[in-house]
Amino acid sequence: MEPEAAVRAILIADVSVAALVVERVYPAKLPQSPTLPAIVLTKVSGPRLHDLSGPSGKAYPRIQADCWAETYAGVKTLATLVRQCLDGYSGAGSGLTIGDIYIDGETDLYEPEVEDYRVVQDYIVWHDET
């Protein structure tokens, strides 16, 4: 499983996040005329660790979570729930053995073209590669 798919599974399994977005967690972009709130997940980078003998089997991609909502209060609530779900997560069962997920940045944005609010969060997802 790709790390962004594993992150999607973790988010959808979280009762608090799912209460807001149901299954509206999309890869790479929002659909046309989306129902909000929603989340878009994008792999920004995919570095892997190497040692002297070659690949170590460990990776730490940066996954961007874009939280979208029609109001600023709504997007801040969703972003908080996403952070509480992901930051510090570790475990298996989501298709990957995840050693740790941690937040590495967060930005608040307003998108005037669609008149919606967005919070961009970057997460580092340490995991074993299969």
C-alpha atoms as a PDB file:
ATOM      1  CA  MET A   1       0.000   0.000   0.000  1.00  0.00           C
ATOM      2  CA  GLU A   2       1.212   3.492  -0.794  1.00  0.00           C
ATOM      3  CA  PRO A   3       1.712   5.782   2.217  1.00  0.00           C
ATOM      4  CA  GLU A   4      -0.970   8.239   1.101  1.00  0.00           C
ATOM      5  CA  ALA A   5      -3.477   5.354   0.848  1.00  0.00           C
ATOM      6  CA  ALA A   6      -2.473   4.237   4.348  1.00  0.00           C
ATOM      7  CA  VAL A   7      -2.982   7.791   5.657  1.00  0.00           C
ATOM      8  CA  ARG A   8      -6.409   7.855   3.987  1.00  0.00           C
ATOM      9  CA  ALA A   9      -7.349   4.594   5.714  1.00  0.00           C
ATOM     10  CA  ILE A  10      -6.212   5.976   9.082  1.00  0.00           C
ATOM     11  CA  LEU A  11      -8.277   9.158   8.614  1.00  0.00           C
ATOM     12  CA  ILE A  12     -11.432   7.358   7.503  1.00  0.00           C
ATOM     13  CA  ALA A  13     -11.142   4.937  10.448  1.00  0.00           C
ATOM     14  CA  ASP A  14     -11.045   7.858  12.899  1.00  0.00           C
ATOM     15  CA  VAL A  15     -14.578   8.442  14.210  1.00  0.00           C
ATOM     16  CA  SER A  16     -14.135  12.206  14.689  1.00  0.00           C
ATOM     17  CA  VAL A  17     -12.671  12.815  11.222  1.00  0.00           C
ATOM     18  CA  ALA A  18     -15.190  10.503   9.534  1.00  0.00           C
ATOM     19  CA  ALA A  19     -18.051  12.344  11.251  1.00  0.00           C
ATOM     20  CA  LEU A  20     -17.102  15.440   9.222  1.00  0.00           C
ATOM     21  CA  VAL A  21     -15.832  14.076   5.910  1.00  0.00           C
ATOM     22  CA  VAL A  22     -17.412  10.596   5.747  1.00  0.00           C
ATOM     23  CA  GLU A  23     -15.198   9.165   2.966  1.00  0.00           C
ATOM     24  CA  ARG A  24     -14.393  12.472   1.216  1.00  0.00           C
ATOM     25  CA  VAL A  25     -10.622  11.979   1.393  1.00  0.00           C
ATOM     26  CA  TYR A  26      -9.307  12.303  -2.163  1.00  0.00           C
ATOM     27  CA  PRO A  27      -5.966  11.650  -3.877  1.00  0.00           C
ATOM     28  CA  ALA A  28      -4.210  14.692  -5.374  1.00  0.00           C
ATOM     29  CA  LYS A  29      -7.238  16.941  -6.139  1.00  0.00           C
ATOM     30  CA  LEU A  30     -10.804  17.775  -5.246  1.00  0.00           C
ATOM     31  CA  PRO A  31     -13.518  16.573  -7.614  1.00  0.00           C
ATOM     32  CA  GLN A  32     -15.603  19.092  -9.568  1.00  0.00           C
ATOM     33  CA  SER A  33     -18.204  20.796  -7.318  1.00  0.00           C
ATOM     34  CA  PRO A  34     -17.147  18.917  -4.165  1.00  0.00           C
ATOM     35  CA  THR A  35     -19.161  18.472  -1.015  1.00  0.00           C
ATOM     36  CA  LEU A  36     -17.243  20.073   1.841  1.00  0.00           C
ATOM     37  CA  PRO A  37     -15.639  19.536   4.265  1.00  0.00           C
ATOM     38  CA  ALA A  38     -13.151  17.283   2.513  1.00  0.00           C
ATOM     39  CA  ILE A  39      -9.484  16.310   2.574  1.00  0.00           C
ATOM     40  CA  VAL A  40      -7.018  15.954  -0.304  1.00  0.00           C
ATOM     41  CA  LEU A  41      -3.850  13.871   0.201  1.00  0.00           C
ATOM     42  CA  THR A  42      -0.771  14.325  -1.974  1.00  0.00           C
ATOM     43  CA  LYS A  43       2.682  12.776  -1.713  1.00  0.00           C
ATOM     44  CA  VAL A  44       5.054  15.747  -1.969  1.00  0.00           C
ATOM     45  CA  SER A  45       8.316  13.808  -1.733  1.00  0.00           C
ATOM     46  CA  GLY A  46       9.405  10.222  -1.197  1.00  0.00           C
ATOM     47  CA  PRO A  47      12.903   9.938   0.291  1.00  0.00           C
ATOM     48  CA  ARG A  48      14.274   6.581   1.366  1.00  0.00           C
ATOM     49  CA  LEU A  49      17.082   5.661   3.703  1.00  0.00           C
ATOM     50  CA  HIS A  50      20.224   3.918   2.453  1.00  0.00           C
ATOM     51  CA  ASP A  51      23.152   2.443   4.290  1.00  0.00           C
ATOM     52  CA  LEU A  52      26.497   1.201   3.005  1.00  0.00           C
ATOM     53  CA  SER A  53      24.940  -1.960   1.598  1.00  0.00           C
ATOM     54  CA  GLY A  54      22.152  -0.124  -0.274  1.00  0.00           C
ATOM     55  CA  PRO A  55      18.475   0.530   0.435  1.00  0.00           C
ATOM     56  CA  SER A  56      17.535   0.014   4.092  1.00  0.00           C
ATOM     57  CA  GLY A  57      13.847  -0.668   3.506  1.00  0.00           C
ATOM     58  CA  LYS A  58      12.849   2.496   5.404  1.00  0.00           C
ATOM     59  CA  ALA A  59      11.113   5.486   3.831  1.00  0.00           C
ATOM     60  CA  TYR A  60       9.898   8.844   5.118  1.00  0.00           C
ATOM     61  CA  PRO A  61       7.695  10.518   2.511  1.00  0.00           C
ATOM     62  CA  ARG A  62       6.107  13.919   3.032  1.00  0.00           C
ATOM     63  CA  ILE A  63       2.334  13.678   2.689  1.00  0.00           C
ATOM     64  CA  GLN A  64       0.384  16.903   2.321  1.00  0.00           C
ATOM     65  CA  ALA A  65      -3.129  16.960   3.776  1.00  0.00           C
ATOM     66  CA  ASP A  66      -5.276  19.781   2.400  1.00  0.00           C
ATOM     67  CA  CYS A  67      -8.317  20.299   4.613  1.00  0.00           C
ATOM     68  CA  TRP A  68     -11.164  22.132   2.851  1.00  0.00           C
ATOM     69  CA  ALA A  69     -14.329  23.732   4.276  1.00  0.00           C
ATOM     70  CA  GLU A  70     -16.770  26.509   3.479  1.00  0.00           C
ATOM     71  CA  THR A  71     -15.971  28.465   6.668  1.00  0.00           C
ATOM     72  CA  TYR A  72     -12.812  29.342   8.537  1.00  0.00           C
ATOM     73  CA  ALA A  73     -14.171  27.796  11.749  1.00  0.00           C
ATOM     74  CA  GLY A  74     -15.069  24.637   9.840  1.00  0.00           C
ATOM     75  CA  VAL A  75     -11.641  24.231   8.272  1.00  0.00           C
ATOM     76  CA  LYS A  76      -9.872  24.879  11.578  1.00  0.00           C
ATOM     77  CA  THR A  77     -12.017  22.213  13.266  1.00  0.00           C
ATOM     78  CA  LEU A  78     -11.247  19.698  10.525  1.00  0.00           C
ATOM     79  CA  ALA A  79      -7.521  20.517  10.560  1.00  0.00           C
ATOM     80  CA  THR A  80      -7.391  20.056  14.329  1.00  0.00           C
ATOM     81  CA  LEU A  81      -9.081  16.649  14.075  1.00  0.00           C
ATOM     82  CA  VAL A  82      -6.708  15.559  11.290  1.00  0.00           C
ATOM     83  CA  ARG A  83      -3.694  16.636  13.363  1.00  0.00           C
ATOM     84  CA  GLN A  84      -5.003  14.849  16.458  1.00  0.00           C
ATOM     85  CA  CYS A  85      -5.524  11.697  14.389  1.00  0.00           C
ATOM     86  CA  LEU A  86      -2.197  11.656  12.540  1.00  0.00           C
ATOM     87  CA  ASP A  87       0.423  13.433  14.674  1.00  0.00           C
ATOM     88  CA  GLY A  88       2.192  10.752  16.701  1.00  0.00           C
ATOM     89  CA  TYR A  89       0.452   7.826  14.981  1.00  0.00           C
ATOM     90  CA  SER A  90       2.296   4.526  14.760  1.00  0.00           C
ATOM     91  CA  GLY A  91       1.137   1.025  14.042  1.00  0.00           C
ATOM     92  CA  ALA A  92       0.427  -1.680  11.534  1.00  0.00           C
ATOM     93  CA  GLY A  93      -2.766  -2.790   9.893  1.00  0.00           C
ATOM     94  CA  SER A  94      -3.173   0.084   7.467  1.00  0.00           C
ATOM     95  CA  GLY A  95      -1.239  -1.804   4.803  1.00  0.00           C
ATOM     96  CA  LEU A  96       2.111  -0.485   6.044  1.00  0.00           C
ATOM     97  CA  THR A  97       4.116  -0.770   9.210  1.00  0.00           C
ATOM     98  CA  ILE A  98       4.241   2.876  10.249  1.00  0.00           C
ATOM     99  CA  GLY A  99       6.906   3.774  12.778  1.00  0.00           C
ATOM    100  CA  ASP A 100       5.772   7.366  13.244  1.00  0.00           C
ATOM    101  CA  ILE A 101       3.782  10.149  11.631  1.00  0.00           C
ATOM    102  CA  TYR A 102       4.537  13.694  12.662  1.00  0.00           C
ATOM    103  CA  ILE A 103       3.336  17.088  11.509  1.00  0.00           C
ATOM    104  CA  ASP A 104       6.035  19.204   9.878  1.00  0.00           C
ATOM    105  CA  GLY A 105       4.136  22.381   9.029  1.00  0.00           C
ATOM    106  CA  GLU A 106       0.725  24.004   8.700  1.00  0.00           C
ATOM    107  CA  THR A 107      -0.584  26.967   6.680  1.00  0.00           C
ATOM    108  CA  ASP A 108      -4.020  28.642   6.625  1.00  0.00           C
ATOM    109  CA  LEU A 109      -5.288  29.763   3.210  1.00  0.00           C
ATOM    110  CA  TYR A 110      -8.360  31.343   1.639  1.00  0.00           C
ATOM    111  CA  GLU A 111      -9.156  30.398  -1.942  1.00  0.00           C
ATOM    112  CA  PRO A 112     -11.016  33.390  -3.466  1.00  0.00           C
ATOM    113  CA  GLU A 113     -11.765  31.632  -6.776  1.00  0.00           C
ATOM    114  CA  VAL A 114     -14.019  29.116  -5.020  1.00  0.00           C
ATOM    115  CA  GLU A 115     -14.646  31.138  -1.819  1.00  0.00           C
ATOM    116  CA  ASP A 116     -13.543  28.281   0.431  1.00  0.00           C
ATOM    117  CA  TYR A 117     -10.985  27.904   3.194  1.00  0.00           C
ATOM    118  CA  ARG A 118      -8.058  25.519   3.227  1.00  0.00           C
ATOM    119  CA  VAL A 119      -5.494  24.419   5.803  1.00  0.00           C
ATOM    120  CA  VAL A 120      -2.401  22.767   4.344  1.00  0.00           C
ATOM    121  CA  GLN A 121      -0.600  20.362   6.676  1.00  0.00           C
ATOM    122  CA  ASP A 122       2.628  18.509   5.909  1.00  0.00           C
ATOM    123  CA  TYR A 123       3.254  15.147   7.582  1.00  0.00           C
ATOM    124  CA  ILE A 124       6.364  12.983   7.565  1.00  0.00           C
ATOM    125  CA  VAL A 125       5.364   9.304   7.457  1.00  0.00           C
ATOM    126  CA  TRP A 126       8.173   6.953   8.583  1.00  0.00           C
ATOM    127  CA  HIS A 127       7.437   3.439   7.394  1.00  0.00           C
ATOM    128  CA  ASP A 128       8.920   0.132   6.334  1.00  0.00           C
ATOM    129  CA  GLU A 129       8.784  -0.563   2.625  1.00  0.00           C
ATOM    130  CA  THR A 130       7.469  -3.902   1.457  1.00  0.00           C
END
